[in-house]
Protein backbone atom coordinates (compact mmCIF):
# COMPACT_ATOMS: atom_id res chain seq x y z
CA MET A 1 -8.37 -17.77 2.60
CA SER A 2 -7.81 -16.80 -0.97
CA VAL A 3 -7.99 -13.15 -1.88
CA THR A 4 -8.03 -11.57 -5.33
CA PHE A 5 -6.38 -8.32 -6.34
CA ARG A 6 -7.28 -5.61 -8.82
CA ASP A 7 -6.72 -1.98 -9.55
CA ALA A 8 -8.96 0.23 -7.45
CA THR A 9 -11.90 2.08 -8.93
CA ALA A 10 -13.46 5.33 -7.75
CA ALA A 11 -16.25 3.25 -6.19
CA ASP A 12 -13.63 1.64 -3.91
CA LEU A 13 -12.51 4.95 -2.39
CA PRO A 14 -14.82 4.89 0.66
CA ALA A 15 -13.61 1.39 1.59
CA ILE A 16 -9.96 2.35 1.03
CA VAL A 17 -10.23 5.46 3.18
CA ALA A 18 -12.01 3.45 5.89
CA LEU A 19 -9.11 0.97 5.90
CA LEU A 20 -6.59 3.82 6.17
CA ALA A 21 -8.56 5.35 9.07
CA GLU A 22 -8.88 2.07 10.94
CA ASP A 23 -5.63 2.20 12.93
CA THR A 24 -4.31 4.56 15.60
CA LEU A 25 -2.21 6.61 13.17
CA GLY A 26 -4.87 6.76 10.47
CA GLU A 27 -7.68 7.76 12.80
CA LYS A 28 -5.77 11.00 13.45
CA ARG A 29 -5.20 11.93 9.81
CA GLU A 30 -7.96 10.31 7.72
CA ASP A 31 -11.67 11.09 7.47
CA PRO A 32 -13.88 8.26 6.19
CA ALA A 33 -17.10 10.30 6.58
CA LEU A 34 -19.26 10.52 3.49
CA PRO A 35 -19.15 12.39 1.29
CA LEU A 36 -15.40 11.94 1.17
CA ASP A 37 -13.14 14.94 1.31
CA PRO A 38 -12.47 16.07 -2.30
CA GLY A 39 -8.75 15.60 -1.66
CA TYR A 40 -9.20 11.83 -1.80
CA GLU A 41 -10.86 12.02 -5.21
CA ALA A 42 -8.16 14.38 -6.53
CA ALA A 43 -5.42 12.03 -5.31
CA PHE A 44 -7.18 9.05 -6.89
CA ALA A 45 -7.42 10.90 -10.22
CA ALA A 46 -3.71 11.76 -10.05
CA ILE A 47 -2.81 8.13 -9.34
CA GLN A 48 -5.01 6.93 -12.19
CA SER A 49 -3.38 9.34 -14.66
CA ASP A 50 0.22 8.41 -13.75
CA PRO A 51 1.48 5.20 -15.41
CA GLY A 52 4.04 4.77 -12.62
CA GLN A 53 1.32 4.50 -9.95
CA ARG A 54 -1.19 1.81 -9.07
CA LEU A 55 -3.69 1.76 -6.24
CA LEU A 56 -4.69 -1.83 -5.58
CA VAL A 57 -7.42 -3.44 -3.55
CA ALA A 58 -7.67 -6.91 -2.09
CA ILE A 59 -11.09 -8.52 -2.47
CA LEU A 60 -12.59 -11.28 -0.35
CA ASP A 61 -16.22 -12.33 -0.76
CA ASP A 62 -16.86 -9.28 -2.99
CA GLN A 63 -15.65 -6.91 -0.25
CA VAL A 64 -12.60 -4.62 -0.23
CA ILE A 65 -10.54 -5.97 2.67
CA GLY A 66 -7.12 -4.56 1.82
CA THR A 67 -5.24 -1.94 -0.13
CA MET A 68 -1.79 -0.70 -1.07
CA GLN A 69 -0.22 1.74 -3.47
CA LEU A 70 2.57 0.69 -5.82
CA SER A 71 4.93 3.31 -7.27
CA THR A 72 7.51 2.47 -9.91
CA ILE A 73 10.48 4.81 -9.65
CA PRO A 74 13.25 5.24 -12.22
CA GLY A 75 16.72 5.99 -10.92
CA ILE A 76 20.27 6.56 -12.03
CA ALA A 77 21.76 4.70 -9.05
CA PHE A 78 22.44 0.98 -9.31
CA LYS A 79 23.22 1.35 -13.03
CA GLY A 80 19.84 2.85 -13.83
CA ALA A 81 17.81 0.34 -11.83
CA TRP A 82 14.08 0.83 -11.45
CA ARG A 83 12.72 0.37 -7.95
CA GLY A 84 9.29 -0.35 -6.58
CA GLN A 85 7.86 1.56 -3.64
CA ILE A 86 5.02 0.11 -1.57
CA GLU A 87 2.88 2.52 0.43
CA ALA A 88 -0.28 2.52 2.55
CA VAL A 89 -0.56 -1.23 3.10
CA ARG A 90 -3.70 -2.16 5.00
CA ILE A 91 -5.72 -5.28 5.73
CA ALA A 92 -9.01 -4.99 7.59
CA GLY A 93 -8.32 -5.29 11.32
CA ASP A 94 -10.69 -8.21 11.88
CA LEU A 95 -8.92 -10.23 9.15
CA ARG A 96 -5.30 -9.74 10.19
CA GLY A 97 -3.26 -12.78 11.10
CA ARG A 98 -4.81 -14.97 8.39
CA GLY A 99 -2.13 -14.64 5.72
CA LEU A 100 -3.97 -12.04 3.65
CA GLY A 101 -1.33 -9.36 4.18
CA GLU A 102 1.34 -11.78 3.04
CA GLN A 103 -0.65 -12.49 -0.13
CA LEU A 104 -1.04 -8.74 -0.73
CA ILE A 105 2.68 -8.03 -0.35
CA GLU A 106 3.65 -11.02 -2.49
CA TYR A 107 1.31 -9.79 -5.21
CA GLY A 108 2.86 -6.31 -5.12
CA VAL A 109 6.40 -7.66 -5.24
CA GLU A 110 5.51 -9.84 -8.22
CA GLN A 111 4.04 -6.84 -10.05
CA PHE A 112 7.37 -5.03 -9.63
CA ARG A 113 9.35 -8.12 -10.64
CA GLN A 114 7.33 -8.43 -13.83
CA GLY A 115 7.82 -4.71 -14.46
CA GLY A 116 11.61 -5.04 -14.39
CA CYS A 117 12.33 -3.48 -11.00
CA LYS A 118 15.60 -4.53 -9.38
CA PHE A 119 14.39 -4.05 -5.80
CA VAL A 120 11.35 -3.08 -3.76
CA GLN A 121 11.29 -0.76 -0.78
CA LEU A 122 8.77 0.44 1.76
CA THR A 123 8.64 2.52 4.88
CA SER A 124 6.74 1.85 8.06
CA ASP A 125 6.13 4.21 10.96
CA LYS A 126 8.41 3.46 13.91
CA SER A 127 5.38 2.82 16.13
CA ARG A 128 4.12 -0.04 13.94
CA THR A 129 6.22 -2.72 15.60
CA SER A 130 3.87 -5.55 14.64
CA ALA A 131 4.12 -4.46 11.00
CA HIS A 132 7.91 -4.50 11.30
CA ARG A 133 7.83 -8.08 12.58
CA PHE A 134 5.49 -8.96 9.69
CA TYR A 135 7.84 -7.57 7.04
CA GLU A 136 10.88 -9.20 8.61
CA ARG A 137 9.07 -12.53 8.68
CA LEU A 138 8.55 -12.11 4.92
CA GLY A 139 12.30 -11.62 4.38
CA TRP A 140 12.50 -7.82 4.28
CA THR A 141 15.54 -6.23 5.93
CA ARG A 142 15.89 -2.95 7.79
CA SER A 143 18.52 -1.39 5.58
CA HIS A 144 17.97 2.36 5.97
CA ASP A 145 16.77 5.00 8.38
CA GLY A 146 14.08 7.19 6.90
CA PHE A 147 13.53 10.89 7.31
CA LYS A 148 10.42 12.96 6.72
CA LEU A 149 9.81 16.69 6.53
CA THR A 150 6.23 17.87 6.87
CA LEU A 151 5.45 20.82 4.60
């Protein structure tokens, strides 16, 4: 299966939110009901206005079947190296296991490579053990423990 990638548009928001709500963690925190919560539209506008942010969609047969957010982060560490951060990676549940997630991640990594980033990082909830196996299969290493503080 060959998927194409593009920057998301406002018209893609319902499909993106539905993808985020599709798993056990997302069903507790996302609301795909229409009309969408205004918070989604505000976040999309903020992403669109920030040159360091990209919200991407994966398209198959004219349908949004995947998404991820790419953040380019400047830093002083590593001699001023820029880093890429991948967030909110999703492929439609009925299409997992077909190599589409691998294509999505490879596309994101290449975007960072072309943008001059020296490394790419991501986090994944501890309960997502199948996602962890997926990333390790792609050559990612568990190098850090992450911490989160809910405000």
